[in-house]
N, C-alpha and C. Protein backbone atom coordinates (compact mmCIF):
# COMPACT_ATOMS: atom_id res chain seq x y z
N MET A 1 4.36 0.97 8.95
CA MET A 1 4.21 1.35 7.91
C MET A 1 2.83 1.08 7.41
N ASP A 2 2.44 0.18 7.63
CA ASP A 2 0.98 -0.25 7.80
C ASP A 2 0.31 1.15 8.62
N GLN A 3 0.46 1.44 8.73
CA GLN A 3 -0.45 2.05 9.28
C GLN A 3 -0.08 3.95 8.64
N MET A 4 0.82 4.17 8.04
CA MET A 4 0.85 4.45 7.26
C MET A 4 0.34 4.37 6.34
N LEU A 5 0.20 3.29 5.67
CA LEU A 5 -0.49 3.34 3.51
C LEU A 5 -1.62 3.42 4.24
N LYS A 6 -2.68 3.06 5.13
CA LYS A 6 -4.05 2.74 5.48
C LYS A 6 -4.21 4.67 5.63
N TYR A 7 -3.46 5.36 5.90
CA TYR A 7 -3.67 6.27 6.56
C TYR A 7 -4.00 7.31 4.37
N ILE A 8 -2.67 6.60 3.83
CA ILE A 8 -2.83 7.76 2.94
C ILE A 8 -3.99 6.46 1.88
N VAL A 9 -4.05 5.68 1.95
CA VAL A 9 -5.57 4.91 1.31
C VAL A 9 -6.36 5.88 1.84
N THR A 10 -6.97 5.68 2.81
CA THR A 10 -8.15 6.07 3.51
C THR A 10 -8.90 7.06 2.65
N SER A 11 -7.66 8.10 1.90
CA SER A 11 -8.37 9.89 1.73
C SER A 11 -7.99 9.71 0.55
N LEU A 12 -8.19 7.52 -0.33
CA LEU A 12 -8.17 7.70 -1.48
C LEU A 12 -9.21 7.43 -1.50
N VAL A 13 -10.33 6.23 -1.32
CA VAL A 13 -10.58 5.31 -1.47
C VAL A 13 -12.25 6.05 -0.72
N ASP A 14 -13.69 5.68 -1.25
CA ASP A 14 -14.67 5.78 -1.07
C ASP A 14 -16.13 4.99 0.31
N ASP A 15 -14.33 3.73 -0.19
CA ASP A 15 -15.30 2.71 1.65
C ASP A 15 -13.87 3.19 2.06
N PRO A 16 -13.17 3.06 2.98
CA PRO A 16 -12.46 3.28 4.13
C PRO A 16 -12.63 1.71 5.00
N GLU A 17 -13.99 1.31 4.55
CA GLU A 17 -14.07 0.09 5.85
C GLU A 17 -13.61 -0.61 5.35
N SER A 18 -13.54 -0.99 3.79
CA SER A 18 -12.98 -2.04 3.34
C SER A 18 -11.09 -2.10 2.76
N ILE A 19 -10.22 -1.48 3.46
CA ILE A 19 -9.33 -1.57 3.46
C ILE A 19 -8.22 -2.31 4.26
N GLN A 20 -8.13 -3.59 3.90
CA GLN A 20 -7.70 -4.60 4.49
C GLN A 20 -5.51 -4.70 3.91
N ILE A 21 -4.93 -4.38 5.10
CA ILE A 21 -2.88 -4.95 4.84
C ILE A 21 -2.86 -6.20 6.08
N ARG A 22 -2.58 -6.31 4.79
CA ARG A 22 -1.45 -7.96 5.91
C ARG A 22 0.38 -7.81 5.52
N ASP A 23 0.17 -7.79 6.89
CA ASP A 23 2.48 -7.69 6.87
C ASP A 23 2.47 -8.93 6.23
N VAL A 24 3.47 -9.55 5.42
CA VAL A 24 3.45 -11.07 5.69
C VAL A 24 5.63 -10.56 5.46
N GLU A 25 5.84 -10.74 6.75
CA GLU A 25 7.71 -11.23 6.43
C GLU A 25 8.39 -12.34 6.31
N GLY A 26 9.06 -11.73 5.84
CA GLY A 26 10.11 -12.46 5.11
C GLY A 26 11.30 -12.81 5.32
N LYS A 27 12.35 -13.88 4.98
CA LYS A 27 13.16 -13.02 5.25
C LYS A 27 14.63 -12.43 5.55
N ASP A 28 14.41 -11.35 4.72
CA ASP A 28 14.96 -9.64 3.13
C ASP A 28 14.25 -9.13 3.25
N SER A 29 12.79 -9.22 3.26
CA SER A 29 11.86 -8.48 3.16
C SER A 29 10.30 -8.28 4.04
N ASN A 30 9.41 -7.07 3.90
CA ASN A 30 8.35 -7.64 4.18
C ASN A 30 7.50 -6.98 2.79
N ILE A 31 5.81 -8.00 3.29
CA ILE A 31 6.06 -7.96 1.53
C ILE A 31 3.91 -7.14 2.71
N LEU A 32 3.64 -6.30 1.66
CA LEU A 32 2.08 -5.82 2.76
C LEU A 32 1.19 -5.14 1.62
N GLU A 33 0.18 -6.34 1.47
CA GLU A 33 -0.60 -7.04 0.49
C GLU A 33 -1.94 -5.36 0.97
N LEU A 34 -2.19 -4.88 -0.27
CA LEU A 34 -3.66 -4.20 0.44
C LEU A 34 -4.30 -5.02 -0.44
N SER A 35 -5.86 -4.76 0.23
CA SER A 35 -6.63 -4.74 -1.09
C SER A 35 -7.83 -3.99 0.19
N VAL A 36 -8.81 -3.54 -1.41
CA VAL A 36 -9.75 -2.54 -1.26
C VAL A 36 -10.44 -2.75 -1.91
N ASN A 37 -11.50 -2.17 -1.58
CA ASN A 37 -13.27 -2.49 -2.36
C ASN A 37 -13.05 -2.80 -3.99
N GLU A 38 -13.88 -3.57 -5.14
CA GLU A 38 -13.79 -3.61 -6.37
C GLU A 38 -13.54 -2.41 -6.86
N LYS A 39 -14.84 -2.18 -6.38
CA LYS A 39 -15.19 -0.23 -6.90
C LYS A 39 -13.90 0.76 -6.98
N ASP A 40 -13.06 0.42 -6.23
CA ASP A 40 -12.38 1.84 -6.03
C ASP A 40 -10.27 1.03 -5.77
N ILE A 41 -10.55 0.26 -6.43
CA ILE A 41 -9.52 -0.60 -6.92
C ILE A 41 -8.24 0.90 -7.70
N GLY A 42 -9.00 1.41 -8.82
CA GLY A 42 -8.91 2.36 -9.71
C GLY A 42 -7.91 3.67 -9.54
N LYS A 43 -8.77 4.05 -8.00
CA LYS A 43 -8.27 4.89 -7.14
C LYS A 43 -6.95 4.74 -6.50
N VAL A 44 -6.85 3.09 -6.35
CA VAL A 44 -5.52 2.92 -5.54
C VAL A 44 -4.86 3.12 -6.66
N ILE A 45 -4.81 2.21 -7.49
CA ILE A 45 -4.13 2.19 -8.82
C ILE A 45 -3.63 3.45 -9.67
N GLY A 46 -4.60 4.14 -10.09
CA GLY A 46 -4.47 5.92 -10.20
C GLY A 46 -3.85 5.33 -12.16
N LYS A 47 -3.64 6.54 -12.77
CA LYS A 47 -4.07 6.91 -14.09
C LYS A 47 -2.29 5.82 -14.59
N GLY A 48 -2.04 4.83 -15.17
CA GLY A 48 -0.77 4.56 -16.00
C GLY A 48 -0.35 4.62 -14.87
N GLY A 49 -1.20 3.26 -13.72
CA GLY A 49 -0.33 3.38 -12.31
C GLY A 49 0.65 4.26 -11.26
N ARG A 50 -0.03 5.51 -11.94
CA ARG A 50 1.42 6.88 -10.66
C ARG A 50 1.07 6.68 -9.56
N ILE A 51 -0.51 6.64 -9.46
CA ILE A 51 0.01 6.67 -7.43
C ILE A 51 -0.09 5.10 -7.30
N ALA A 52 -0.06 4.48 -7.51
CA ALA A 52 0.80 3.15 -7.13
C ALA A 52 2.11 3.02 -7.08
N LYS A 53 2.22 3.65 -8.42
CA LYS A 53 4.01 3.93 -7.58
C LYS A 53 4.80 5.19 -7.22
N ALA A 54 3.84 5.95 -7.02
CA ALA A 54 3.68 6.98 -5.68
C ALA A 54 3.57 6.60 -4.12
N LEU A 55 2.62 5.35 -4.18
CA LEU A 55 2.65 4.48 -2.79
C LEU A 55 3.63 3.97 -2.58
N ARG A 56 4.84 3.26 -3.65
CA ARG A 56 5.31 1.91 -3.89
C ARG A 56 7.14 2.40 -3.11
N VAL A 57 7.46 4.12 -4.14
CA VAL A 57 8.02 5.07 -3.23
C VAL A 57 8.32 5.42 -2.12
N LEU A 58 7.05 5.70 -1.35
CA LEU A 58 6.84 6.28 -0.26
C LEU A 58 7.17 5.22 0.84
N LEU A 59 6.27 3.72 0.78
CA LEU A 59 7.25 2.86 1.18
C LEU A 59 8.11 2.48 1.49
N GLN A 60 9.02 2.28 -0.28
CA GLN A 60 9.87 2.56 0.74
C GLN A 60 12.00 2.82 0.75
N ALA A 61 10.89 4.72 0.69
CA ALA A 61 11.62 5.49 1.38
C ALA A 61 11.81 5.33 3.15
N ALA A 62 10.32 4.79 3.80
CA ALA A 62 9.94 6.26 5.32
C ALA A 62 10.36 3.51 5.47
N SER A 63 10.79 3.20 5.10
CA SER A 63 10.82 1.40 5.48
C SER A 63 12.82 1.30 5.46
N ILE A 64 13.94 2.57 4.61
CA ILE A 64 14.99 2.23 3.96
C ILE A 64 15.70 3.59 5.78
N LYS A 65 14.44 4.10 5.75
CA LYS A 65 15.30 4.74 7.20
C LYS A 65 14.44 4.60 8.61
N GLN A 66 14.12 2.60 8.33
CA GLN A 66 14.09 2.12 9.25
C GLN A 66 14.81 0.72 8.87
N GLY A 67 15.76 0.41 7.87
CA GLY A 67 16.57 0.20 7.80
C GLY A 67 16.23 -1.36 7.57
N LYS A 68 14.76 -1.89 6.90
CA LYS A 68 14.38 -2.76 6.40
C LYS A 68 13.48 -3.17 4.60
N ASN A 69 13.65 -3.59 4.21
CA ASN A 69 13.28 -3.28 2.86
C ASN A 69 11.47 -3.73 3.15
N THR A 70 10.92 -3.13 2.03
CA THR A 70 9.72 -3.44 2.31
C THR A 70 8.67 -2.95 0.63
N GLN A 71 7.54 -3.83 0.75
CA GLN A 71 7.50 -3.95 -1.19
C GLN A 71 6.19 -3.43 -0.68
N LEU A 72 5.37 -3.34 -2.07
CA LEU A 72 3.20 -3.40 -1.42
C LEU A 72 2.89 -3.83 -2.43
N GLU A 73 2.14 -4.88 -2.38
CA GLU A 73 1.29 -5.24 -4.00
C GLU A 73 0.15 -5.41 -3.58
N ILE A 74 -0.68 -4.95 -4.58
CA ILE A 74 -1.81 -3.59 -4.72
C ILE A 74 -3.01 -5.68 -5.09
N LEU A 75 -3.85 -6.29 -4.06
CA LEU A 75 -4.56 -7.11 -4.69
C LEU A 75 -6.26 -7.27 -5.27
N ASP A 76 -6.40 -7.42 -5.80
CA ASP A 76 -8.03 -7.30 -6.40
C ASP A 76 -8.69 -7.56 -5.61
């Protein structure tokens, strides 16, 4: 999951070196915490949150295929 997310986000941001993804495993679900450079946060969220929503939908679809529940949190 995190490799797919990193691949997608790398193409969106100007500073791909600053991408950090932390996988927090819970009892029922996993949470992927994404943090990027301050100047790239708007590119990851998108206008009206459209890109963030699309990323969440992709992660949800991929996680269901694997029998897991994964959520995405974008950190400031």
